[in-house]
Amino acid sequence: MLKAIAIDDEPLALEVIKSHASKVNFIQLEKLFTNAFEALDYLQDNPIDLIFLDIKMPDISGTEFAILPANKPMIVFTTAYSEHAVKSFELDAIDYLLKPFSLARFTKACTKANELWMLKNGKETEKTSIFLKTGYEQIKVQLSEILFLEAAGNYVTFQTNENKIMSRMTFQEAEKLLPDSFFRIHRSFIVHKDKIEKIERHQVTIGKHKIPIGSNYAGNLESVN
């Protein structure tokens, strides 16, 4: 269950969030705020997982507020102004809801937040997908579609059945996202065990791809049946 609050200077907007949240069984909406500074005081003593945060507010904007809480809850921005989308994703927002948003769109944002929360807290026992941040979007990728990963400077390339997805993260961060069916065979490559078609002395074959085997990681291939 995600503990959440909503901050918006318009009471009617808060009522919409309250109504939508009541229909999402993993969201517990703790409190509504029309005053951002009252919300900040509340956060000092009450741990919260998720904030639904308006951007255009008097005294302080949502993007300014987002960097203030010490415990850094997940943020879903809610706004009537599409021009703030780029800034919101620069702040690692989970999602960006453009008013007026439907229950279906609201639920999609909540589901994304819940999956990330479960991942961070080790609650997901049978993970089938991950979210990858690419540019200003977060893309859901099925683990079954990933063939291998390749380190590329400050980015990691996820090679899927259909295309490549580049996400800004370290290789160590990428490893933490993946289940045991993925393992490193080279300092720059992680492969999906079930996708390996052929193992040779210095490389493995996955589809049309030839991936080198690093001498320090050759032992990992012993687990391939």
C-alpha atoms as a PDB file:
ATOM      1  CA  MET A   1       0.000   0.000   0.000  1.00  0.00           C
ATOM      2  CA  LEU A   2       1.407   3.365  -1.059  1.00  0.00           C
ATOM      3  CA  LYS A   3       0.868   6.243   1.357  1.00  0.00           C
ATOM      4  CA  ALA A   4       0.161   9.392  -0.622  1.00  0.00           C
ATOM      5  CA  ILE A   5      -0.768  13.050  -0.265  1.00  0.00           C
ATOM      6  CA  ALA A   6      -2.045  15.537  -2.836  1.00  0.00           C
ATOM      7  CA  ILE A   7      -1.086  19.214  -3.100  1.00  0.00           C
ATOM      8  CA  ASP A   8      -3.062  21.651  -5.247  1.00  0.00           C
ATOM      9  CA  ASP A   9      -4.271  25.193  -4.606  1.00  0.00           C
ATOM     10  CA  GLU A  10      -7.601  24.323  -6.286  1.00  0.00           C
ATOM     11  CA  PRO A  11      -9.961  22.363  -3.969  1.00  0.00           C
ATOM     12  CA  LEU A  12     -11.901  20.932  -6.919  1.00  0.00           C
ATOM     13  CA  ALA A  13      -8.708  19.448  -8.347  1.00  0.00           C
ATOM     14  CA  LEU A  14      -8.024  17.782  -5.006  1.00  0.00           C
ATOM     15  CA  GLU A  15     -11.522  16.310  -4.990  1.00  0.00           C
ATOM     16  CA  VAL A  16     -10.849  14.718  -8.379  1.00  0.00           C
ATOM     17  CA  ILE A  17      -7.664  13.120  -7.046  1.00  0.00           C
ATOM     18  CA  LYS A  18      -9.487  11.979  -3.915  1.00  0.00           C
ATOM     19  CA  SER A  19     -12.226  10.367  -6.004  1.00  0.00           C
ATOM     20  CA  HIS A  20      -9.768   8.637  -8.339  1.00  0.00           C
ATOM     21  CA  ALA A  21      -7.518   7.456  -5.498  1.00  0.00           C
ATOM     22  CA  SER A  22     -10.465   5.858  -3.701  1.00  0.00           C
ATOM     23  CA  LYS A  23     -10.803   3.491  -6.667  1.00  0.00           C
ATOM     24  CA  VAL A  24      -7.149   2.390  -6.699  1.00  0.00           C
ATOM     25  CA  ASN A  25      -6.775  -0.336  -4.077  1.00  0.00           C
ATOM     26  CA  PHE A  26      -3.041   0.129  -3.473  1.00  0.00           C
ATOM     27  CA  ILE A  27      -3.184   3.899  -2.884  1.00  0.00           C
ATOM     28  CA  GLN A  28      -3.894   5.226   0.605  1.00  0.00           C
ATOM     29  CA  LEU A  29      -4.481   8.963   0.277  1.00  0.00           C
ATOM     30  CA  GLU A  30      -3.540  10.300   3.706  1.00  0.00           C
ATOM     31  CA  LYS A  31      -4.193  14.021   3.335  1.00  0.00           C
ATOM     32  CA  LEU A  32      -5.054  16.829   0.914  1.00  0.00           C
ATOM     33  CA  PHE A  33      -3.331  20.234   0.948  1.00  0.00           C
ATOM     34  CA  THR A  34      -4.119  23.540  -0.705  1.00  0.00           C
ATOM     35  CA  ASN A  35      -1.061  25.088   0.998  1.00  0.00           C
ATOM     36  CA  ALA A  36       2.312  23.681  -0.063  1.00  0.00           C
ATOM     37  CA  PHE A  37       4.119  24.839   3.090  1.00  0.00           C
ATOM     38  CA  GLU A  38       1.620  23.051   5.318  1.00  0.00           C
ATOM     39  CA  ALA A  39       2.308  19.939   3.274  1.00  0.00           C
ATOM     40  CA  LEU A  40       6.044  20.383   3.796  1.00  0.00           C
ATOM     41  CA  ASP A  41       5.532  20.585   7.572  1.00  0.00           C
ATOM     42  CA  TYR A  42       3.424  17.431   7.423  1.00  0.00           C
ATOM     43  CA  LEU A  43       6.138  15.550   5.536  1.00  0.00           C
ATOM     44  CA  GLN A  44       8.691  16.232   8.264  1.00  0.00           C
ATOM     45  CA  ASP A  45       6.841  13.935  10.675  1.00  0.00           C
ATOM     46  CA  ASN A  46       4.895  11.653   8.370  1.00  0.00           C
ATOM     47  CA  PRO A  47       6.665   9.346   5.918  1.00  0.00           C
ATOM     48  CA  ILE A  48       4.934   9.398   2.546  1.00  0.00           C
ATOM     49  CA  ASP A  49       5.666   7.314  -0.553  1.00  0.00           C
ATOM     50  CA  LEU A  50       3.970   9.386  -3.231  1.00  0.00           C
ATOM     51  CA  ILE A  51       2.899  13.006  -3.819  1.00  0.00           C
ATOM     52  CA  PHE A  52       0.377  14.157  -6.398  1.00  0.00           C
ATOM     53  CA  LEU A  53       1.723  17.657  -6.951  1.00  0.00           C
ATOM     54  CA  ASP A  54       0.307  20.593  -8.896  1.00  0.00           C
ATOM     55  CA  ILE A  55       2.891  22.748 -10.669  1.00  0.00           C
ATOM     56  CA  LYS A  56       1.194  26.181 -10.870  1.00  0.00           C
ATOM     57  CA  MET A  57       0.700  27.240  -7.243  1.00  0.00           C
ATOM     58  CA  PRO A  58       1.051  30.581  -5.432  1.00  0.00           C
ATOM     59  CA  ASP A  59       4.217  31.296  -3.414  1.00  0.00           C
ATOM     60  CA  ILE A  60       6.052  28.168  -4.608  1.00  0.00           C
ATOM     61  CA  SER A  61       5.779  26.082  -7.765  1.00  0.00           C
ATOM     62  CA  GLY A  62       5.471  22.323  -7.773  1.00  0.00           C
ATOM     63  CA  THR A  63       8.867  21.946  -9.435  1.00  0.00           C
ATOM     64  CA  GLU A  64      10.440  24.067  -6.686  1.00  0.00           C
ATOM     65  CA  PHE A  65       8.599  22.121  -3.985  1.00  0.00           C
ATOM     66  CA  ALA A  66       9.660  18.730  -5.399  1.00  0.00           C
ATOM     67  CA  ILE A  67      13.294  19.163  -4.337  1.00  0.00           C
ATOM     68  CA  LEU A  68      12.504  20.165  -0.733  1.00  0.00           C
ATOM     69  CA  PRO A  69      11.324  17.012   1.140  1.00  0.00           C
ATOM     70  CA  ALA A  70      14.216  15.259   2.869  1.00  0.00           C
ATOM     71  CA  ASN A  71      12.909  11.728   2.349  1.00  0.00           C
ATOM     72  CA  LYS A  72      12.280  12.299  -1.403  1.00  0.00           C
ATOM     73  CA  PRO A  73       8.880  10.720  -2.042  1.00  0.00           C
ATOM     74  CA  MET A  74       7.949   9.756  -5.586  1.00  0.00           C
ATOM     75  CA  ILE A  75       6.275  12.595  -7.482  1.00  0.00           C
ATOM     76  CA  VAL A  76       3.389  12.578  -9.946  1.00  0.00           C
ATOM     77  CA  PHE A  77       2.883  16.087 -11.302  1.00  0.00           C
ATOM     78  CA  THR A  78      -0.660  17.255 -12.043  1.00  0.00           C
ATOM     79  CA  THR A  79      -1.100  20.379 -14.133  1.00  0.00           C
ATOM     80  CA  ALA A  80      -3.143  22.065 -16.833  1.00  0.00           C
ATOM     81  CA  TYR A  81       0.026  23.290 -18.578  1.00  0.00           C
ATOM     82  CA  SER A  82       1.879  20.906 -20.894  1.00  0.00           C
ATOM     83  CA  GLU A  83       4.962  23.145 -21.204  1.00  0.00           C
ATOM     84  CA  HIS A  84       6.276  21.950 -17.819  1.00  0.00           C
ATOM     85  CA  ALA A  85       6.640  18.312 -18.896  1.00  0.00           C
ATOM     86  CA  VAL A  86      10.361  18.532 -19.673  1.00  0.00           C
ATOM     87  CA  LYS A  87      11.200  20.088 -16.313  1.00  0.00           C
ATOM     88  CA  SER A  88       9.137  17.514 -14.437  1.00  0.00           C
ATOM     89  CA  PHE A  89      11.047  14.594 -15.923  1.00  0.00           C
ATOM     90  CA  GLU A  90      14.354  16.316 -15.241  1.00  0.00           C
ATOM     91  CA  LEU A  91      13.262  16.044 -11.598  1.00  0.00           C
ATOM     92  CA  ASP A  92      12.742  12.275 -12.039  1.00  0.00           C
ATOM     93  CA  ALA A  93       8.980  12.515 -11.720  1.00  0.00           C
ATOM     94  CA  ILE A  94       7.162   9.212 -11.976  1.00  0.00           C
ATOM     95  CA  ASP A  95       4.560  10.679 -14.307  1.00  0.00           C
ATOM     96  CA  TYR A  96       2.966  13.876 -15.588  1.00  0.00           C
ATOM     97  CA  LEU A  97      -0.834  14.113 -15.584  1.00  0.00           C
ATOM     98  CA  LEU A  98      -2.342  16.789 -17.776  1.00  0.00           C
ATOM     99  CA  LYS A  99      -5.642  18.099 -16.418  1.00  0.00           C
ATOM    100  CA  PRO A 100      -8.358  17.041 -16.849  1.00  0.00           C
ATOM    101  CA  PHE A 101      -7.131  13.438 -16.549  1.00  0.00           C
ATOM    102  CA  SER A 102      -9.272  10.316 -16.560  1.00  0.00           C
ATOM    103  CA  LEU A 103      -9.401   7.573 -13.947  1.00  0.00           C
ATOM    104  CA  ALA A 104      -7.649   5.270 -16.409  1.00  0.00           C
ATOM    105  CA  ARG A 105      -4.768   7.719 -16.888  1.00  0.00           C
ATOM    106  CA  PHE A 106      -4.552   8.312 -13.137  1.00  0.00           C
ATOM    107  CA  THR A 107      -4.449   4.570 -12.487  1.00  0.00           C
ATOM    108  CA  LYS A 108      -1.656   4.130 -15.018  1.00  0.00           C
ATOM    109  CA  ALA A 109       0.470   6.682 -13.133  1.00  0.00           C
ATOM    110  CA  CYS A 110      -0.294   4.985  -9.819  1.00  0.00           C
ATOM    111  CA  THR A 111       0.608   1.574 -11.214  1.00  0.00           C
ATOM    112  CA  LYS A 112       3.947   2.885 -12.421  1.00  0.00           C
ATOM    113  CA  ALA A 113       4.661   4.326  -8.963  1.00  0.00           C
ATOM    114  CA  ASN A 114       3.623   1.091  -7.267  1.00  0.00           C
ATOM    115  CA  GLU A 115       5.883  -1.045  -9.438  1.00  0.00           C
ATOM    116  CA  LEU A 116       8.864   1.188  -8.724  1.00  0.00           C
ATOM    117  CA  TRP A 117       8.075   1.172  -5.005  1.00  0.00           C
ATOM    118  CA  MET A 118       7.855  -2.635  -4.959  1.00  0.00           C
ATOM    119  CA  LEU A 119      11.144  -2.890  -6.804  1.00  0.00           C
ATOM    120  CA  LYS A 120      12.964  -0.584  -4.386  1.00  0.00           C
ATOM    121  CA  ASN A 121      11.531  -2.327  -1.339  1.00  0.00           C
ATOM    122  CA  GLY A 122      12.058  -5.897  -2.500  1.00  0.00           C
ATOM    123  CA  LYS A 123       8.345  -6.632  -2.563  1.00  0.00           C
ATOM    124  CA  GLU A 124       8.121  -7.921  -6.101  1.00  0.00           C
ATOM    125  CA  THR A 125       8.556 -11.706  -6.117  1.00  0.00           C
ATOM    126  CA  GLU A 126       7.776 -12.502  -9.745  1.00  0.00           C
ATOM    127  CA  LYS A 127       8.885  -9.471 -11.665  1.00  0.00           C
ATOM    128  CA  THR A 128       8.061  -9.649 -15.357  1.00  0.00           C
ATOM    129  CA  SER A 129       8.900  -6.104 -16.446  1.00  0.00           C
ATOM    130  CA  ILE A 130      10.950  -3.028 -15.569  1.00  0.00           C
ATOM    131  CA  PHE A 131      10.668   0.692 -16.267  1.00  0.00           C
ATOM    132  CA  LEU A 132      13.551   2.346 -18.109  1.00  0.00           C
ATOM    133  CA  LYS A 133      14.006   6.090 -18.210  1.00  0.00           C
ATOM    134  CA  THR A 134      14.900   7.263 -21.683  1.00  0.00           C
ATOM    135  CA  GLY A 135      14.952  10.977 -22.404  1.00  0.00           C
ATOM    136  CA  TYR A 136      11.953  12.453 -20.620  1.00  0.00           C
ATOM    137  CA  GLU A 137       9.921   9.245 -20.612  1.00  0.00           C
ATOM    138  CA  GLN A 138       9.853   6.017 -18.652  1.00  0.00           C
ATOM    139  CA  ILE A 139       9.240   2.972 -20.835  1.00  0.00           C
ATOM    140  CA  LYS A 140       7.908  -0.335 -19.568  1.00  0.00           C
ATOM    141  CA  VAL A 141       9.963  -3.234 -20.945  1.00  0.00           C
ATOM    142  CA  GLN A 142       9.103  -6.911 -20.578  1.00  0.00           C
ATOM    143  CA  LEU A 143      12.054  -8.878 -19.196  1.00  0.00           C
ATOM    144  CA  SER A 144      11.272 -11.721 -21.585  1.00  0.00           C
ATOM    145  CA  GLU A 145      12.022  -9.399 -24.507  1.00  0.00           C
ATOM    146  CA  ILE A 146      15.513  -8.370 -23.334  1.00  0.00           C
ATOM    147  CA  LEU A 147      18.357 -10.255 -25.010  1.00  0.00           C
ATOM    148  CA  PHE A 148      21.347  -8.550 -23.401  1.00  0.00           C
ATOM    149  CA  LEU A 149      22.672  -5.280 -21.961  1.00  0.00           C
ATOM    150  CA  GLU A 150      25.747  -3.347 -23.031  1.00  0.00           C
ATOM    151  CA  ALA A 151      27.559  -0.627 -21.085  1.00  0.00           C
ATOM    152  CA  ALA A 152      27.972   2.570 -23.091  1.00  0.00           C
ATOM    153  CA  GLY A 153      29.678   5.278 -21.040  1.00  0.00           C
ATOM    154  CA  ASN A 154      27.107   6.818 -18.698  1.00  0.00           C
ATOM    155  CA  TYR A 155      24.354   4.812 -20.377  1.00  0.00           C
ATOM    156  CA  VAL A 156      23.279   1.198 -20.644  1.00  0.00           C
ATOM    157  CA  THR A 157      21.850  -0.177 -23.884  1.00  0.00           C
ATOM    158  CA  PHE A 158      19.079  -2.760 -23.482  1.00  0.00           C
ATOM    159  CA  GLN A 159      18.878  -4.894 -26.624  1.00  0.00           C
ATOM    160  CA  THR A 160      15.388  -6.343 -27.043  1.00  0.00           C
ATOM    161  CA  ASN A 161      13.828  -8.555 -29.691  1.00  0.00           C
ATOM    162  CA  GLU A 162      12.822  -5.493 -31.687  1.00  0.00           C
ATOM    163  CA  ASN A 163      15.113  -2.564 -30.852  1.00  0.00           C
ATOM    164  CA  LYS A 164      17.666  -0.899 -28.591  1.00  0.00           C
ATOM    165  CA  ILE A 165      16.741   1.213 -25.579  1.00  0.00           C
ATOM    166  CA  MET A 166      19.357   3.497 -24.042  1.00  0.00           C
ATOM    167  CA  SER A 167      18.900   4.484 -20.401  1.00  0.00           C
ATOM    168  CA  ARG A 168      21.139   6.713 -18.295  1.00  0.00           C
ATOM    169  CA  MET A 169      22.410   4.555 -15.402  1.00  0.00           C
ATOM    170  CA  THR A 170      25.480   2.659 -14.259  1.00  0.00           C
ATOM    171  CA  PHE A 171      25.978  -1.019 -15.054  1.00  0.00           C
ATOM    172  CA  GLN A 172      25.708  -1.778 -11.345  1.00  0.00           C
ATOM    173  CA  GLU A 173      22.323  -0.049 -11.203  1.00  0.00           C
ATOM    174  CA  ALA A 174      21.186  -2.048 -14.216  1.00  0.00           C
ATOM    175  CA  GLU A 175      22.201  -5.326 -12.550  1.00  0.00           C
ATOM    176  CA  LYS A 176      20.061  -4.515  -9.522  1.00  0.00           C
ATOM    177  CA  LEU A 177      16.993  -4.184 -11.738  1.00  0.00           C
ATOM    178  CA  LEU A 178      17.304  -7.704 -13.120  1.00  0.00           C
ATOM    179  CA  PRO A 179      16.456 -11.184 -11.790  1.00  0.00           C
ATOM    180  CA  ASP A 180      18.905 -14.108 -11.593  1.00  0.00           C
ATOM    181  CA  SER A 181      18.196 -15.144 -15.180  1.00  0.00           C
ATOM    182  CA  PHE A 182      20.510 -12.282 -16.215  1.00  0.00           C
ATOM    183  CA  PHE A 183      24.232 -12.374 -15.478  1.00  0.00           C
ATOM    184  CA  ARG A 184      27.426 -10.693 -16.571  1.00  0.00           C
ATOM    185  CA  ILE A 185      29.742 -12.467 -19.019  1.00  0.00           C
ATOM    186  CA  HIS A 186      31.960  -9.461 -19.726  1.00  0.00           C
ATOM    187  CA  ARG A 187      32.679  -6.164 -17.961  1.00  0.00           C
ATOM    188  CA  SER A 188      30.496  -4.490 -20.593  1.00  0.00           C
ATOM    189  CA  PHE A 189      27.831  -7.144 -21.215  1.00  0.00           C
ATOM    190  CA  ILE A 190      25.002  -8.765 -19.252  1.00  0.00           C
ATOM    191  CA  VAL A 191      23.033 -11.502 -21.013  1.00  0.00           C
ATOM    192  CA  HIS A 192      19.682 -13.197 -20.546  1.00  0.00           C
ATOM    193  CA  LYS A 193      20.555 -16.823 -19.812  1.00  0.00           C
ATOM    194  CA  ASP A 194      17.521 -18.224 -21.615  1.00  0.00           C
ATOM    195  CA  LYS A 195      18.370 -16.361 -24.825  1.00  0.00           C
ATOM    196  CA  ILE A 196      21.831 -17.915 -25.325  1.00  0.00           C
ATOM    197  CA  GLU A 197      21.865 -20.164 -28.384  1.00  0.00           C
ATOM    198  CA  LYS A 198      25.534 -21.087 -28.603  1.00  0.00           C
ATOM    199  CA  ILE A 199      28.554 -20.916 -26.278  1.00  0.00           C
ATOM    200  CA  GLU A 200      32.060 -20.828 -27.724  1.00  0.00           C
ATOM    201  CA  ARG A 201      35.419 -20.295 -26.109  1.00  0.00           C
ATOM    202  CA  HIS A 202      35.437 -16.515 -26.454  1.00  0.00           C
ATOM    203  CA  GLN A 203      31.859 -15.590 -27.259  1.00  0.00           C
ATOM    204  CA  VAL A 204      28.178 -16.489 -27.014  1.00  0.00           C
ATOM    205  CA  THR A 205      25.548 -16.212 -29.714  1.00  0.00           C
ATOM    206  CA  ILE A 206      22.139 -14.673 -29.090  1.00  0.00           C
ATOM    207  CA  GLY A 207      20.180 -14.454 -32.323  1.00  0.00           C
ATOM    208  CA  LYS A 208      22.322 -12.499 -34.779  1.00  0.00           C
ATOM    209  CA  HIS A 209      24.503 -11.056 -32.014  1.00  0.00           C
ATOM    210  CA  LYS A 210      27.980 -12.293 -31.057  1.00  0.00           C
ATOM    211  CA  ILE A 211      28.841 -11.248 -27.492  1.00  0.00           C
ATOM    212  CA  PRO A 212      32.377 -11.569 -26.076  1.00  0.00           C
ATOM    213  CA  ILE A 213      33.140 -13.552 -22.926  1.00  0.00           C
ATOM    214  CA  GLY A 214      35.495 -11.867 -20.470  1.00  0.00           C
ATOM    215  CA  SER A 215      38.044 -14.134 -18.813  1.00  0.00           C
ATOM    216  CA  ASN A 216      36.957 -12.984 -15.339  1.00  0.00           C
ATOM    217  CA  TYR A 217      33.316 -13.889 -16.018  1.00  0.00           C
ATOM    218  CA  ALA A 218      33.612 -17.214 -17.857  1.00  0.00           C
ATOM    219  CA  GLY A 219      32.645 -19.087 -14.687  1.00  0.00           C
ATOM    220  CA  ASN A 220      29.177 -17.525 -14.772  1.00  0.00           C
ATOM    221  CA  LEU A 221      28.356 -19.564 -17.852  1.00  0.00           C
ATOM    222  CA  GLU A 222      28.576 -22.790 -15.851  1.00  0.00           C
ATOM    223  CA  SER A 223      24.992 -22.181 -14.718  1.00  0.00           C
ATOM    224  CA  VAL A 224      23.696 -22.377 -18.307  1.00  0.00           C
ATOM    225  CA  ASN A 225      22.032 -25.741 -18.915  1.00  0.00           C
END
